[in-house]
Structure formats: C-alpha cells, structure tokens
Protein backbone atom coordinates (compact mmCIF):
# COMPACT_ATOMS: atom_id res chain seq x y z
CA MET A 1 101.77 32.06 126.19
CA GLY A 2 103.24 35.47 125.33
CA ILE A 3 105.62 37.66 127.29
CA PHE A 4 102.94 40.00 128.59
CA GLU A 5 100.68 37.18 129.73
CA ILE A 6 103.61 35.71 131.64
CA ALA A 7 104.45 39.15 133.07
CA LYS A 8 100.85 39.50 134.24
CA LEU A 9 101.03 36.12 135.96
CA LEU A 10 104.31 37.15 137.59
CA GLY A 11 102.71 40.38 138.81
CA GLU A 12 99.77 38.47 140.23
CA ALA A 13 102.16 36.08 142.01
CA ILE A 14 104.10 39.00 143.48
CA ALA A 15 100.84 40.58 144.67
CA LYS A 16 100.09 37.33 146.55
CA ASP A 17 103.53 37.16 148.16
CA SER A 18 103.37 37.60 151.94
CA ARG A 19 106.02 40.35 151.83
CA TYR A 20 103.99 42.40 149.40
CA ILE A 21 100.74 41.81 151.30
CA GLU A 22 102.37 42.91 154.57
CA PHE A 23 103.79 45.98 152.81
CA GLU A 24 100.34 46.98 151.53
CA GLU A 25 98.89 46.52 155.03
CA ALA A 26 101.70 48.63 156.48
CA LYS A 27 100.97 51.37 153.94
CA VAL A 28 97.36 51.51 155.12
CA ALA A 29 98.46 51.64 158.76
CA TYR A 30 100.95 54.41 157.90
CA GLU A 31 98.30 56.44 156.08
CA ASN A 32 95.76 55.94 158.87
CA ASP A 33 98.10 56.87 161.72
CA GLU A 34 96.69 60.29 162.56
CA ALA A 35 99.56 61.35 164.82
CA LEU A 36 102.10 60.39 162.17
CA GLN A 37 100.22 62.17 159.40
CA ASN A 38 99.91 65.31 161.52
CA ALA A 39 103.64 65.23 162.27
CA LEU A 40 104.44 64.79 158.58
CA LYS A 41 102.22 67.73 157.64
CA GLU A 42 103.71 69.95 160.32
CA TYR A 43 107.21 68.87 159.30
CA GLU A 44 106.50 70.06 155.75
CA VAL A 45 105.04 73.34 157.02
CA GLN A 46 108.08 73.91 159.23
CA GLN A 47 110.44 73.12 156.34
CA ASN A 48 108.62 75.72 154.20
CA ALA A 49 108.75 78.26 157.03
CA LEU A 50 112.48 77.67 157.42
CA GLN A 51 113.03 78.09 153.71
CA SER A 52 111.03 81.34 153.72
CA GLU A 53 113.00 82.66 156.68
CA MET A 54 116.31 81.72 155.08
CA MET A 55 115.40 83.64 151.92
CA LYS A 56 114.86 86.89 153.79
CA ASP A 57 117.50 89.60 153.51
CA GLU A 58 117.38 90.11 157.28
CA LYS A 59 117.23 86.68 158.82
CA ASP A 60 115.97 86.27 162.36
CA ALA A 61 118.39 83.85 164.06
CA TYR A 62 115.96 83.21 166.93
CA THR A 63 113.18 82.22 164.52
CA ILE A 64 115.53 80.03 162.49
CA ASP A 65 116.73 78.28 165.65
CA ALA A 66 113.16 77.75 166.88
CA ILE A 67 112.05 76.33 163.54
CA ASN A 68 115.11 74.06 163.35
CA GLU A 69 114.45 72.80 166.86
CA ARG A 70 110.84 72.00 165.97
CA ILE A 71 111.92 70.30 162.74
CA ASN A 72 114.33 68.11 164.71
CA GLN A 73 111.61 67.21 167.24
CA LEU A 74 109.20 66.31 164.45
CA TYR A 75 111.86 64.30 162.63
CA ASN A 76 112.57 62.24 165.74
CA GLU A 77 108.84 61.74 166.31
CA ILE A 78 108.33 60.60 162.71
CA VAL A 79 111.27 58.20 162.46
CA SER A 80 110.47 56.60 165.81
CA ASN A 81 106.81 56.02 164.92
CA PRO A 82 106.11 52.26 164.69
CA ALA A 83 104.04 52.63 161.51
CA PHE A 84 106.87 54.55 159.85
CA ILE A 85 109.48 52.01 160.95
CA ARG A 86 107.38 49.05 159.82
CA LEU A 87 106.65 50.57 156.42
CA ASN A 88 110.33 51.30 155.82
CA GLN A 89 111.37 47.78 156.84
CA LEU A 90 108.76 46.18 154.61
CA GLN A 91 109.66 48.52 151.74
CA LEU A 92 113.21 47.16 151.94
CA GLU A 93 111.87 43.60 151.84
CA VAL A 94 109.70 44.33 148.80
CA ASN A 95 112.65 46.04 147.09
CA GLU A 96 114.76 42.96 147.79
CA LEU A 97 112.02 40.71 146.38
CA MET A 98 111.83 42.82 143.22
CA ASN A 99 115.64 42.77 142.86
CA GLU A 100 115.61 38.99 143.18
CA VAL A 101 112.88 38.74 140.55
CA ASN A 102 114.79 41.05 138.20
CA ASN A 103 118.01 39.11 138.78
CA THR A 104 116.21 35.85 138.00
CA ILE A 105 114.85 37.30 134.76
CA THR A 106 118.26 38.70 133.83
CA CYS A 107 119.86 35.35 134.59
CA ALA A 108 117.34 33.56 132.38
CA ILE A 109 118.02 36.01 129.53
CA THR A 110 121.80 36.28 129.74
CA GLY A 111 122.77 33.11 131.52
CA GLU A 112 124.61 35.18 134.12
CA ASP A 113 123.45 36.03 137.59
CA PRO A 114 123.97 39.80 138.04
CA ALA A 115 123.99 39.32 141.82
CA ALA A 116 126.91 36.91 141.65
CA THR A 117 130.43 37.31 140.46
CA CYS A 118 130.60 35.11 137.42
CA THR A 119 133.77 33.05 137.12
CA HIS A 120 132.45 31.42 133.92
CA ASN A 121 133.00 28.13 135.72
CA CYS A 122 129.59 26.72 136.54
CA ALA A 123 131.11 24.51 139.26
CA THR A 124 131.78 27.65 141.35
CA CYS A 125 128.32 29.15 140.79
CA ARG A 126 125.41 29.06 143.20
CA SER A 127 122.82 30.51 140.81
CA HIS A 128 122.40 27.49 138.53
CA CYS A 129 121.25 29.71 135.68
CA HIS A 130 123.11 27.97 132.82
C-alpha cells in the first residue's frame, strides 16, 4: 500500500473519530444559530462603521463611543453564546488530535517524539517510538 492510500485511510479514520464528528455537529449548530449569526453580522457592520468613522478628518467622539459600546455588547453576546463556546472547545480538541497524529507520524519518521524532550535514553522515554 502506498503513502497516499495510507493517508486516505488515516483521513477516513480521523473523520470517524468522535471528536471530529462532534466538531462537525457543533459547526452546523453554530451556523444554524440565528441569533449568533445575526450578532456576528452586526459585529462586522459595527467594526466597519468604526473604521469609517476613525478615518474621517473630523471624528465624532460620541459616534465612536456609541459604536465601541455596541461592539463590546455584541462581543460579549457572541463569546457567551453556547454554540460559539462549544465550537471553540471542540476546535481545540480537534487541533489536539491533529497535533497528536502529526507527532506520531514525525516520531515514526525520525524516531523522536517532537512532543517530548528526548534524552536519547529510551529508558526515560514515554513515547516508545524507537
């Protein structure tokens, strides 16, 4: 079996991993959360409005303060949204999974675990990659 066939099998195995499946489900929930999506859109609009106001020669401090206040409200609303929180948590888990996979591949290629400090004494090593 060639490298790319093995890589395809690895990809298929990752796609079946519960962490990846939960992440994909969380992405759908995130995208379908209407309140969250509306807040994200308004946040972007407010950011653009702030940028436009800041570029003016004669800036209106009241307008800038009002936009900043709304941006802060939207930010708090977004980061406290359960769908947003869940997606971020699961993204971290998937990133950790991918790092572990990459470390395992690197260990198999080089004989050294990049996640561990190698003492070159296999008796002190937990990775068992030699």
